C-alpha cells in the first residue's frame, strides 16, 4: 500500500485537503513555538506569569478552532463537491 488508501474512498474537502492540513500544521506549530517562548520568558521573569497563561489559553483556542475547521472542511467536502468515484480519482492521477 502506498499510504494513499483505497482510491475509491479518497477524502475530498471543500478546500484542497493538502493545503488545509499544511496550513493547520503551520498555524498550530507557530502557536506552540510562540507559547513555548513566552513560557520560557515567564520562567526567567522577563514577562509576567499572567502573559504565559494567556498564551497557553490562546494556544488551546487556536488548536481547537483549527481542528474544527479541518474537520468541517473534510465533512462538508462531499456535500459541496459531490461524491468522489474511482474513475474520477484515476483521471486525476498524473
PDB file of N, CA and C in Angstrom:
ATOM      1  N   UNK A   1       0.847  -1.172   0.000  1.00  0.00           N
ATOM      2  CA  UNK A   1       0.000   0.000   0.000  1.00  0.00           C
ATOM      3  C   UNK A   1       0.893   1.235   0.000  1.00  0.00           C
ATOM      4  N   UNK A   2       0.562   2.238  -0.767  1.00  0.00           N
ATOM      5  CA  UNK A   2       1.401   3.416  -0.905  1.00  0.00           C
ATOM      6  C   UNK A   2       1.038   4.538   0.061  1.00  0.00           C
ATOM      7  N   UNK A   3       0.192   4.309   1.041  1.00  0.00           N
ATOM      8  CA  UNK A   3      -0.162   5.324   2.014  1.00  0.00           C
ATOM      9  C   UNK A   3      -1.332   6.197   1.595  1.00  0.00           C
ATOM     10  N   UNK A   4      -1.772   6.041   0.365  1.00  0.00           N
ATOM     11  CA  UNK A   4      -2.872   6.860  -0.131  1.00  0.00           C
ATOM     12  C   UNK A   4      -4.228   6.240   0.176  1.00  0.00           C
ATOM     13  N   UNK A   5      -4.256   4.979   0.548  1.00  0.00           N
ATOM     14  CA  UNK A   5      -5.517   4.314   0.837  1.00  0.00           C
ATOM     15  C   UNK A   5      -6.209   3.871  -0.430  1.00  0.00           C
ATOM     16  N   UNK A   6      -7.426   3.402  -0.255  1.00  0.00           N
ATOM     17  CA  UNK A   6      -8.235   2.946  -1.369  1.00  0.00           C
ATOM     18  C   UNK A   6      -8.689   4.153  -2.183  1.00  0.00           C
ATOM     19  N   UNK A   7      -8.359   4.213  -3.490  1.00  0.00           N
ATOM     20  CA  UNK A   7      -8.736   5.370  -4.292  1.00  0.00           C
ATOM     21  C   UNK A   7     -10.247   5.595  -4.357  1.00  0.00           C
ATOM     22  N   UNK A   8     -11.032   4.538  -4.189  1.00  0.00           N
ATOM     23  CA  UNK A   8     -12.480   4.723  -4.260  1.00  0.00           C
ATOM     24  C   UNK A   8     -13.019   5.403  -2.998  1.00  0.00           C
ATOM     25  N   UNK A   9     -12.190   5.504  -1.965  1.00  0.00           N
ATOM     26  CA  UNK A   9     -12.616   6.133  -0.710  1.00  0.00           C
ATOM     27  C   UNK A   9     -11.793   7.389  -0.419  1.00  0.00           C
ATOM     28  N   UNK A  10     -11.326   8.076  -1.456  1.00  0.00           N
ATOM     29  CA  UNK A  10     -10.496   9.264  -1.289  1.00  0.00           C
ATOM     30  C   UNK A  10     -11.275  10.381  -0.595  1.00  0.00           C
ATOM     31  N   UNK A  11     -10.628  11.061   0.370  1.00  0.00           N
ATOM     32  CA  UNK A  11     -11.249  12.164   1.094  1.00  0.00           C
ATOM     33  C   UNK A  11     -11.201  13.412   0.226  1.00  0.00           C
ATOM     34  N   UNK A  12     -12.290  14.137   0.222  1.00  0.00           N
ATOM     35  CA  UNK A  12     -12.385  15.369  -0.545  1.00  0.00           C
ATOM     36  C   UNK A  12     -12.871  16.459   0.385  1.00  0.00           C
ATOM     37  N   UNK A  13     -12.237  17.619   0.336  1.00  0.00           N
ATOM     38  CA  UNK A  13     -12.659  18.741   1.150  1.00  0.00           C
ATOM     39  C   UNK A  13     -13.207  19.853   0.280  1.00  0.00           C
ATOM     40  N   UNK A  14     -13.846  20.813   0.910  1.00  0.00           N
ATOM     41  CA  UNK A  14     -14.326  21.987   0.184  1.00  0.00           C
ATOM     42  C   UNK A  14     -13.116  22.724  -0.383  1.00  0.00           C
ATOM     43  N   UNK A  15     -12.103  22.883   0.437  1.00  0.00           N
ATOM     44  CA  UNK A  15     -10.829  23.473   0.027  1.00  0.00           C
ATOM     45  C   UNK A  15      -9.819  22.332  -0.011  1.00  0.00           C
ATOM     46  N   UNK A  16      -8.818  22.446  -0.834  1.00  0.00           N
ATOM     47  CA  UNK A  16      -7.802  21.408  -1.004  1.00  0.00           C
ATOM     48  C   UNK A  16      -7.308  20.892   0.343  1.00  0.00           C
ATOM     49  N   UNK A  17      -7.451  19.585   0.596  1.00  0.00           N
ATOM     50  CA  UNK A  17      -7.090  18.992   1.884  1.00  0.00           C
ATOM     51  C   UNK A  17      -5.613  19.145   2.202  1.00  0.00           C
ATOM     52  N   UNK A  18      -4.768  18.939   1.232  1.00  0.00           N
ATOM     53  CA  UNK A  18      -3.324  19.043   1.484  1.00  0.00           C
ATOM     54  C   UNK A  18      -2.964  20.461   1.929  1.00  0.00           C
ATOM     55  N   UNK A  19      -3.541  21.467   1.277  1.00  0.00           N
ATOM     56  CA  UNK A  19      -3.281  22.850   1.646  1.00  0.00           C
ATOM     57  C   UNK A  19      -3.795  23.155   3.048  1.00  0.00           C
ATOM     58  N   UNK A  20      -5.010  22.718   3.357  1.00  0.00           N
ATOM     59  CA  UNK A  20      -5.610  22.984   4.665  1.00  0.00           C
ATOM     60  C   UNK A  20      -4.833  22.297   5.770  1.00  0.00           C
ATOM     61  N   UNK A  21      -4.445  21.053   5.558  1.00  0.00           N
ATOM     62  CA  UNK A  21      -3.670  20.347   6.589  1.00  0.00           C
ATOM     63  C   UNK A  21      -2.301  20.985   6.780  1.00  0.00           C
ATOM     64  N   UNK A  22      -1.676  21.427   5.712  1.00  0.00           N
ATOM     65  CA  UNK A  22      -0.390  22.113   5.820  1.00  0.00           C
ATOM     66  C   UNK A  22      -0.553  23.435   6.570  1.00  0.00           C
ATOM     67  N   UNK A  23      -1.600  24.179   6.235  1.00  0.00           N
ATOM     68  CA  UNK A  23      -1.877  25.442   6.910  1.00  0.00           C
ATOM     69  C   UNK A  23      -2.169  25.212   8.394  1.00  0.00           C
ATOM     70  N   UNK A  24      -2.952  24.190   8.703  1.00  0.00           N
ATOM     71  CA  UNK A  24      -3.261  23.868  10.102  1.00  0.00           C
ATOM     72  C   UNK A  24      -1.983  23.505  10.858  1.00  0.00           C
ATOM     73  N   UNK A  25      -1.112  22.733  10.231  1.00  0.00           N
ATOM     74  CA  UNK A  25       0.161  22.375  10.861  1.00  0.00           C
ATOM     75  C   UNK A  25       0.995  23.615  11.142  1.00  0.00           C
ATOM     76  N   UNK A  26       1.074  24.521  10.175  1.00  0.00           N
ATOM     77  CA  UNK A  26       1.868  25.734  10.361  1.00  0.00           C
ATOM     78  C   UNK A  26       1.291  26.635  11.449  1.00  0.00           C
ATOM     79  N   UNK A  27      -0.030  26.789  11.482  1.00  0.00           N
ATOM     80  CA  UNK A  27      -0.663  27.634  12.492  1.00  0.00           C
ATOM     81  C   UNK A  27      -0.447  27.067  13.891  1.00  0.00           C
ATOM     82  N   UNK A  28      -0.691  25.774  14.053  1.00  0.00           N
ATOM     83  CA  UNK A  28      -0.537  25.164  15.374  1.00  0.00           C
ATOM     84  C   UNK A  28       0.935  25.130  15.785  1.00  0.00           C
ATOM     85  N   UNK A  29       1.832  24.831  14.858  1.00  0.00           N
ATOM     86  CA  UNK A  29       3.265  24.826  15.185  1.00  0.00           C
ATOM     87  C   UNK A  29       3.741  26.213  15.588  1.00  0.00           C
ATOM     88  N   UNK A  30       3.318  27.226  14.864  1.00  0.00           N
ATOM     89  CA  UNK A  30       3.683  28.599  15.217  1.00  0.00           C
ATOM     90  C   UNK A  30       3.153  28.992  16.587  1.00  0.00           C
ATOM     91  N   UNK A  31       1.944  28.565  16.888  1.00  0.00           N
ATOM     92  CA  UNK A  31       1.359  28.852  18.198  1.00  0.00           C
ATOM     93  C   UNK A  31       2.119  28.142  19.311  1.00  0.00           C
ATOM     94  N   UNK A  32       2.510  26.891  19.076  1.00  0.00           N
ATOM     95  CA  UNK A  32       3.266  26.139  20.083  1.00  0.00           C
ATOM     96  C   UNK A  32       4.619  26.802  20.333  1.00  0.00           C
ATOM     97  N   UNK A  33       5.290  27.220  19.273  1.00  0.00           N
ATOM     98  CA  UNK A  33       6.597  27.864  19.425  1.00  0.00           C
ATOM     99  C   UNK A  33       6.457  29.184  20.179  1.00  0.00           C
ATOM    100  N   UNK A  34       5.461  29.996  19.806  1.00  0.00           N
ATOM    101  CA  UNK A  34       5.243  31.268  20.498  1.00  0.00           C
ATOM    102  C   UNK A  34       4.914  31.044  21.969  1.00  0.00           C
ATOM    103  N   UNK A  35       4.102  30.054  22.255  1.00  0.00           N
ATOM    104  CA  UNK A  35       3.731  29.733  23.635  1.00  0.00           C
ATOM    105  C   UNK A  35       4.952  29.261  24.418  1.00  0.00           C
ATOM    106  N   UNK A  36       5.785  28.454  23.803  1.00  0.00           N
ATOM    107  CA  UNK A  36       6.998  27.974  24.480  1.00  0.00           C
ATOM    108  C   UNK A  36       7.946  29.132  24.783  1.00  0.00           C
ATOM    109  N   UNK A  37       8.112  30.039  23.830  1.00  0.00           N
ATOM    110  CA  UNK A  37       8.981  31.196  24.047  1.00  0.00           C
ATOM    111  C   UNK A  37       8.447  32.056  25.187  1.00  0.00           C
ATOM    112  N   UNK A  38       7.149  32.327  25.195  1.00  0.00           N
ATOM    113  CA  UNK A  38       6.569  33.126  26.275  1.00  0.00           C
ATOM    114  C   UNK A  38       6.670  32.405  27.618  1.00  0.00           C
ATOM    115  N   UNK A  39       6.534  31.084  27.609  1.00  0.00           N
ATOM    116  CA  UNK A  39       6.685  30.318  28.842  1.00  0.00           C
ATOM    117  C   UNK A  39       8.092  30.420  29.412  1.00  0.00           C
ATOM    118  N   UNK A  40       9.087  30.311  28.538  1.00  0.00           N
ATOM    119  CA  UNK A  40      10.476  30.434  28.990  1.00  0.00           C
ATOM    120  C   UNK A  40      10.736  31.856  29.492  1.00  0.00           C
ATOM    121  N   UNK A  41      10.218  32.842  28.789  1.00  0.00           N
ATOM    122  CA  UNK A  41      10.376  34.231  29.243  1.00  0.00           C
ATOM    123  C   UNK A  41       9.706  34.441  30.598  1.00  0.00           C
ATOM    124  N   UNK A  42       8.583  33.786  30.840  1.00  0.00           N
ATOM    125  CA  UNK A  42       7.902  33.907  32.128  1.00  0.00           C
ATOM    126  C   UNK A  42       8.703  33.234  33.236  1.00  0.00           C
ATOM    127  N   UNK A  43       9.337  32.105  32.934  1.00  0.00           N
ATOM    128  CA  UNK A  43      10.160  31.423  33.930  1.00  0.00           C
ATOM    129  C   UNK A  43      11.323  32.322  34.354  1.00  0.00           C
ATOM    130  N   UNK A  44      11.909  33.000  33.391  1.00  0.00           N
ATOM    131  CA  UNK A  44      13.039  33.879  33.690  1.00  0.00           C
ATOM    132  C   UNK A  44      12.587  35.290  34.083  1.00  0.00           C
ATOM    133  N   UNK A  45      11.294  35.473  34.272  1.00  0.00           N
ATOM    134  CA  UNK A  45      10.677  36.714  34.747  1.00  0.00           C
ATOM    135  C   UNK A  45      10.934  37.919  33.842  1.00  0.00           C
ATOM    136  N   UNK A  46      11.031  37.674  32.530  1.00  0.00           N
ATOM    137  CA  UNK A  46      11.081  38.774  31.574  1.00  0.00           C
ATOM    138  C   UNK A  46       9.673  39.248  31.231  1.00  0.00           C
ATOM    139  N   UNK A  47       8.717  38.373  31.374  1.00  0.00           N
ATOM    140  CA  UNK A  47       7.298  38.717  31.227  1.00  0.00           C
ATOM    141  C   UNK A  47       6.572  38.166  32.455  1.00  0.00           C
ATOM    142  N   UNK A  48       5.385  38.671  32.697  1.00  0.00           N
ATOM    143  CA  UNK A  48       4.629  38.199  33.863  1.00  0.00           C
ATOM    144  C   UNK A  48       4.065  36.804  33.594  1.00  0.00           C
ATOM    145  N   UNK A  49       3.805  36.081  34.659  1.00  0.00           N
ATOM    146  CA  UNK A  49       3.240  34.735  34.550  1.00  0.00           C
ATOM    147  C   UNK A  49       1.856  34.795  33.913  1.00  0.00           C
ATOM    148  N   UNK A  50       1.151  35.908  34.113  1.00  0.00           N
ATOM    149  CA  UNK A  50      -0.171  36.088  33.519  1.00  0.00           C
ATOM    150  C   UNK A  50      -0.110  36.006  31.989  1.00  0.00           C
ATOM    151  N   UNK A  51       0.931  36.553  31.418  1.00  0.00           N
ATOM    152  CA  UNK A  51       1.086  36.507  29.953  1.00  0.00           C
ATOM    153  C   UNK A  51       1.301  35.055  29.496  1.00  0.00           C
ATOM    154  N   UNK A  52       2.054  34.280  30.239  1.00  0.00           N
ATOM    155  CA  UNK A  52       2.284  32.879  29.874  1.00  0.00           C
ATOM    156  C   UNK A  52       0.980  32.092  29.910  1.00  0.00           C
ATOM    157  N   UNK A  53       0.132  32.317  30.929  1.00  0.00           N
ATOM    158  CA  UNK A  53      -1.150  31.612  30.997  1.00  0.00           C
ATOM    159  C   UNK A  53      -2.064  32.046  29.859  1.00  0.00           C
ATOM    160  N   UNK A  54      -2.045  33.318  29.517  1.00  0.00           N
ATOM    161  CA  UNK A  54      -2.858  33.789  28.378  1.00  0.00           C
ATOM    162  C   UNK A  54      -2.374  33.169  27.070  1.00  0.00           C
ATOM    163  N   UNK A  55      -1.060  33.029  26.925  1.00  0.00           N
ATOM    164  CA  UNK A  55      -0.516  32.388  25.725  1.00  0.00           C
ATOM    165  C   UNK A  55      -0.938  30.932  25.650  1.00  0.00           C
ATOM    166  N   UNK A  56      -0.900  30.236  26.781  1.00  0.00           N
ATOM    167  CA  UNK A  56      -1.312  28.832  26.803  1.00  0.00           C
ATOM    168  C   UNK A  56      -2.799  28.686  26.475  1.00  0.00           C
ATOM    169  N   UNK A  57      -3.613  29.564  27.016  1.00  0.00           N
ATOM    170  CA  UNK A  57      -5.043  29.550  26.709  1.00  0.00           C
ATOM    171  C   UNK A  57      -5.287  29.846  25.230  1.00  0.00           C
ATOM    172  N   UNK A  58      -4.560  30.821  24.707  1.00  0.00           N
ATOM    173  CA  UNK A  58      -4.693  31.155  23.278  1.00  0.00           C
ATOM    174  C   UNK A  58      -4.284  29.988  22.402  1.00  0.00           C
ATOM    175  N   UNK A  59      -3.231  29.273  22.795  1.00  0.00           N
ATOM    176  CA  UNK A  59      -2.804  28.092  22.043  1.00  0.00           C
ATOM    177  C   UNK A  59      -3.919  27.063  21.990  1.00  0.00           C
ATOM    178  N   UNK A  60      -4.571  26.814  23.126  1.00  0.00           N
ATOM    179  CA  UNK A  60      -5.685  25.864  23.157  1.00  0.00           C
ATOM    180  C   UNK A  60      -6.820  26.285  22.248  1.00  0.00           C
ATOM    181  N   UNK A  61      -7.166  27.562  22.277  1.00  0.00           N
ATOM    182  CA  UNK A  61      -8.257  28.069  21.427  1.00  0.00           C
ATOM    183  C   UNK A  61      -7.897  27.935  19.956  1.00  0.00           C
ATOM    184  N   UNK A  62      -6.673  28.314  19.599  1.00  0.00           N
ATOM    185  CA  UNK A  62      -6.241  28.240  18.197  1.00  0.00           C
ATOM    186  C   UNK A  62      -6.208  26.792  17.723  1.00  0.00           C
ATOM    187  N   UNK A  63      -5.696  25.883  18.540  1.00  0.00           N
ATOM    188  CA  UNK A  63      -5.616  24.472  18.154  1.00  0.00           C
ATOM    189  C   UNK A  63      -7.004  23.875  17.964  1.00  0.00           C
ATOM    190  N   UNK A  64      -7.921  24.159  18.880  1.00  0.00           N
ATOM    191  CA  UNK A  64      -9.285  23.627  18.759  1.00  0.00           C
ATOM    192  C   UNK A  64      -9.991  24.208  17.542  1.00  0.00           C
ATOM    193  N   UNK A  65      -9.857  25.509  17.335  1.00  0.00           N
ATOM    194  CA  UNK A  65     -10.510  26.142  16.177  1.00  0.00           C
ATOM    195  C   UNK A  65      -9.957  25.596  14.861  1.00  0.00           C
ATOM    196  N   UNK A  66      -8.645  25.389  14.800  1.00  0.00           N
ATOM    197  CA  UNK A  66      -8.035  24.839  13.583  1.00  0.00           C
ATOM    198  C   UNK A  66      -8.505  23.410  13.332  1.00  0.00           C
ATOM    199  N   UNK A  67      -8.572  22.595  14.380  1.00  0.00           N
ATOM    200  CA  UNK A  67      -9.037  21.213  14.230  1.00  0.00           C
ATOM    201  C   UNK A  67     -10.499  21.171  13.786  1.00  0.00           C
ATOM    202  N   UNK A  68     -11.320  22.045  14.332  1.00  0.00           N
ATOM    203  CA  UNK A  68     -12.733  22.106  13.923  1.00  0.00           C
ATOM    204  C   UNK A  68     -12.837  22.509  12.461  1.00  0.00           C
ATOM    205  N   UNK A  69     -12.023  23.489  12.030  1.00  0.00           N
ATOM    206  CA  UNK A  69     -12.062  23.928  10.637  1.00  0.00           C
ATOM    207  C   UNK A  69     -11.664  22.797   9.693  1.00  0.00           C
ATOM    208  N   UNK A  70     -10.612  22.060  10.035  1.00  0.00           N
ATOM    209  CA  UNK A  70     -10.181  20.938   9.184  1.00  0.00           C
ATOM    210  C   UNK A  70     -11.274  19.873   9.122  1.00  0.00           C
ATOM    211  N   UNK A  71     -11.885  19.568  10.262  1.00  0.00           N
ATOM    212  CA  UNK A  71     -12.951  18.559  10.292  1.00  0.00           C
ATOM    213  C   UNK A  71     -14.156  19.006   9.467  1.00  0.00           C
ATOM    214  N   UNK A  72     -14.538  20.265   9.580  1.00  0.00           N
ATOM    215  CA  UNK A  72     -15.666  20.767   8.783  1.00  0.00           C
ATOM    216  C   UNK A  72     -15.344  20.762   7.298  1.00  0.00           C
ATOM    217  N   UNK A  73     -14.116  21.117   6.941  1.00  0.00           N
ATOM    218  CA  UNK A  73     -13.715  21.101   5.536  1.00  0.00           C
ATOM    219  C   UNK A  73     -13.829  19.698   4.963  1.00  0.00           C
ATOM    220  N   UNK A  74     -13.360  18.696   5.715  1.00  0.00           N
ATOM    221  CA  UNK A  74     -13.431  17.315   5.240  1.00  0.00           C
ATOM    222  C   UNK A  74     -14.862  16.788   5.291  1.00  0.00           C
ATOM    223  N   UNK A  75     -15.635  17.221   6.274  1.00  0.00           N
ATOM    224  CA  UNK A  75     -17.004  16.729   6.422  1.00  0.00           C
ATOM    225  C   UNK A  75     -17.949  17.245   5.359  1.00  0.00           C
ATOM    226  N   UNK A  76     -17.807  18.525   5.003  1.00  0.00           N
ATOM    227  CA  UNK A  76     -18.704  19.111   4.017  1.00  0.00           C
ATOM    228  C   UNK A  76     -18.184  18.995   2.590  1.00  0.00           C
ATOM    229  N   UNK A  77     -16.977  18.475   2.404  1.00  0.00           N
ATOM    230  CA  UNK A  77     -16.406  18.337   1.063  1.00  0.00           C
ATOM    231  C   UNK A  77     -17.271  17.545   0.106  1.00  0.00           C
ATOM    232  N   UNK A  78     -17.693  16.321   0.472  1.00  0.00           N
ATOM    233  CA  UNK A  78     -18.528  15.547  -0.437  1.00  0.00           C
ATOM    234  C   UNK A  78     -19.876  16.211  -0.721  1.00  0.00           C
ATOM    235  N   UNK A  79     -20.435  16.940   0.242  1.00  0.00           N
ATOM    236  CA  UNK A  79     -21.724  17.598   0.035  1.00  0.00           C
ATOM    237  C   UNK A  79     -21.595  18.749  -0.962  1.00  0.00           C
ATOM    238  N   UNK A  80     -20.444  19.418  -0.968  1.00  0.00           N
ATOM    239  CA  UNK A  80     -20.245  20.554  -1.859  1.00  0.00           C
ATOM    240  C   UNK A  80     -19.729  20.109  -3.216  1.00  0.00           C
ATOM    241  N   UNK A  81     -18.736  19.230  -3.224  1.00  0.00           N
ATOM    242  CA  UNK A  81     -18.115  18.786  -4.467  1.00  0.00           C
ATOM    243  C   UNK A  81     -18.767  17.559  -5.076  1.00  0.00           C
ATOM    244  N   UNK A  82     -19.557  16.860  -4.299  1.00  0.00           N
ATOM    245  CA  UNK A  82     -20.164  15.626  -4.777  1.00  0.00           C
ATOM    246  C   UNK A  82     -19.294  14.443  -4.430  1.00  0.00           C
ATOM    247  N   UNK A  83     -19.845  13.237  -4.489  1.00  0.00           N
ATOM    248  CA  UNK A  83     -19.062  12.052  -4.138  1.00  0.00           C
ATOM    249  C   UNK A  83     -17.932  11.832  -5.139  1.00  0.00           C
ATOM    250  N   UNK A  84     -16.840  11.297  -4.644  1.00  0.00           N
ATOM    251  CA  UNK A  84     -15.678  11.019  -5.485  1.00  0.00           C
ATOM    252  C   UNK A  84     -15.738   9.573  -5.916  1.00  0.00           C
ATOM    253  N   UNK A  85     -15.702   9.361  -7.210  1.00  0.00           N
ATOM    254  CA  UNK A  85     -15.739   7.990  -7.727  1.00  0.00           C
ATOM    255  C   UNK A  85     -14.331   7.532  -8.069  1.00  0.00           C
ATOM    256  N   UNK A  86     -14.180   6.235  -8.250  1.00  0.00           N
ATOM    257  CA  UNK A  86     -12.877   5.672  -8.592  1.00  0.00           C
ATOM    258  C   UNK A  86     -12.414   6.203  -9.945  1.00  0.00           C
ATOM    259  N   UNK A  87     -13.327   6.368 -10.872  1.00  0.00           N
ATOM    260  CA  UNK A  87     -12.971   6.875 -12.194  1.00  0.00           C
ATOM    261  C   UNK A  87     -12.453   8.305 -12.094  1.00  0.00           C
ATOM    262  N   UNK A  88     -13.048   9.121 -11.238  1.00  0.00           N
ATOM    263  CA  UNK A  88     -12.602  10.498 -11.055  1.00  0.00           C
ATOM    264  C   UNK A  88     -11.206  10.514 -10.471  1.00  0.00           C
ATOM    265  N   UNK A  89     -10.948   9.652  -9.503  1.00  0.00           N
ATOM    266  CA  UNK A  89      -9.634   9.602  -8.869  1.00  0.00           C
ATOM    267  C   UNK A  89      -8.571   9.152  -9.849  1.00  0.00           C
ATOM    268  N   UNK A  90      -8.876   8.169 -10.672  1.00  0.00           N
ATOM    269  CA  UNK A  90      -7.881   7.686 -11.625  1.00  0.00           C
ATOM    270  C   UNK A  90      -7.586   8.721 -12.680  1.00  0.00           C
ATOM    271  N   UNK A  91      -8.579   9.503 -13.041  1.00  0.00           N
ATOM    272  CA  UNK A  91      -8.367  10.559 -14.021  1.00  0.00           C
ATOM    273  C   UNK A  91      -7.522  11.698 -13.479  1.00  0.00           C
ATOM    274  N   UNK A  92      -7.486  11.849 -12.160  1.00  0.00           N
ATOM    275  CA  UNK A  92      -6.750  12.945 -11.546  1.00  0.00           C
ATOM    276  C   UNK A  92      -5.269  12.598 -11.353  1.00  0.00           C
ATOM    277  N   UNK A  93      -4.906  11.318 -11.527  1.00  0.00           N
ATOM    278  CA  UNK A  93      -3.505  10.942 -11.330  1.00  0.00           C
ATOM    279  C   UNK A  93      -2.657  11.496 -12.474  1.00  0.00           C
ATOM    280  N   UNK A  94      -1.412  11.913 -12.131  1.00  0.00           N
ATOM    281  CA  UNK A  94      -0.523  12.443 -13.190  1.00  0.00           C
ATOM    282  C   UNK A  94      -0.017  11.372 -14.114  1.00  0.00           C
TER     283      UNK A  94
END
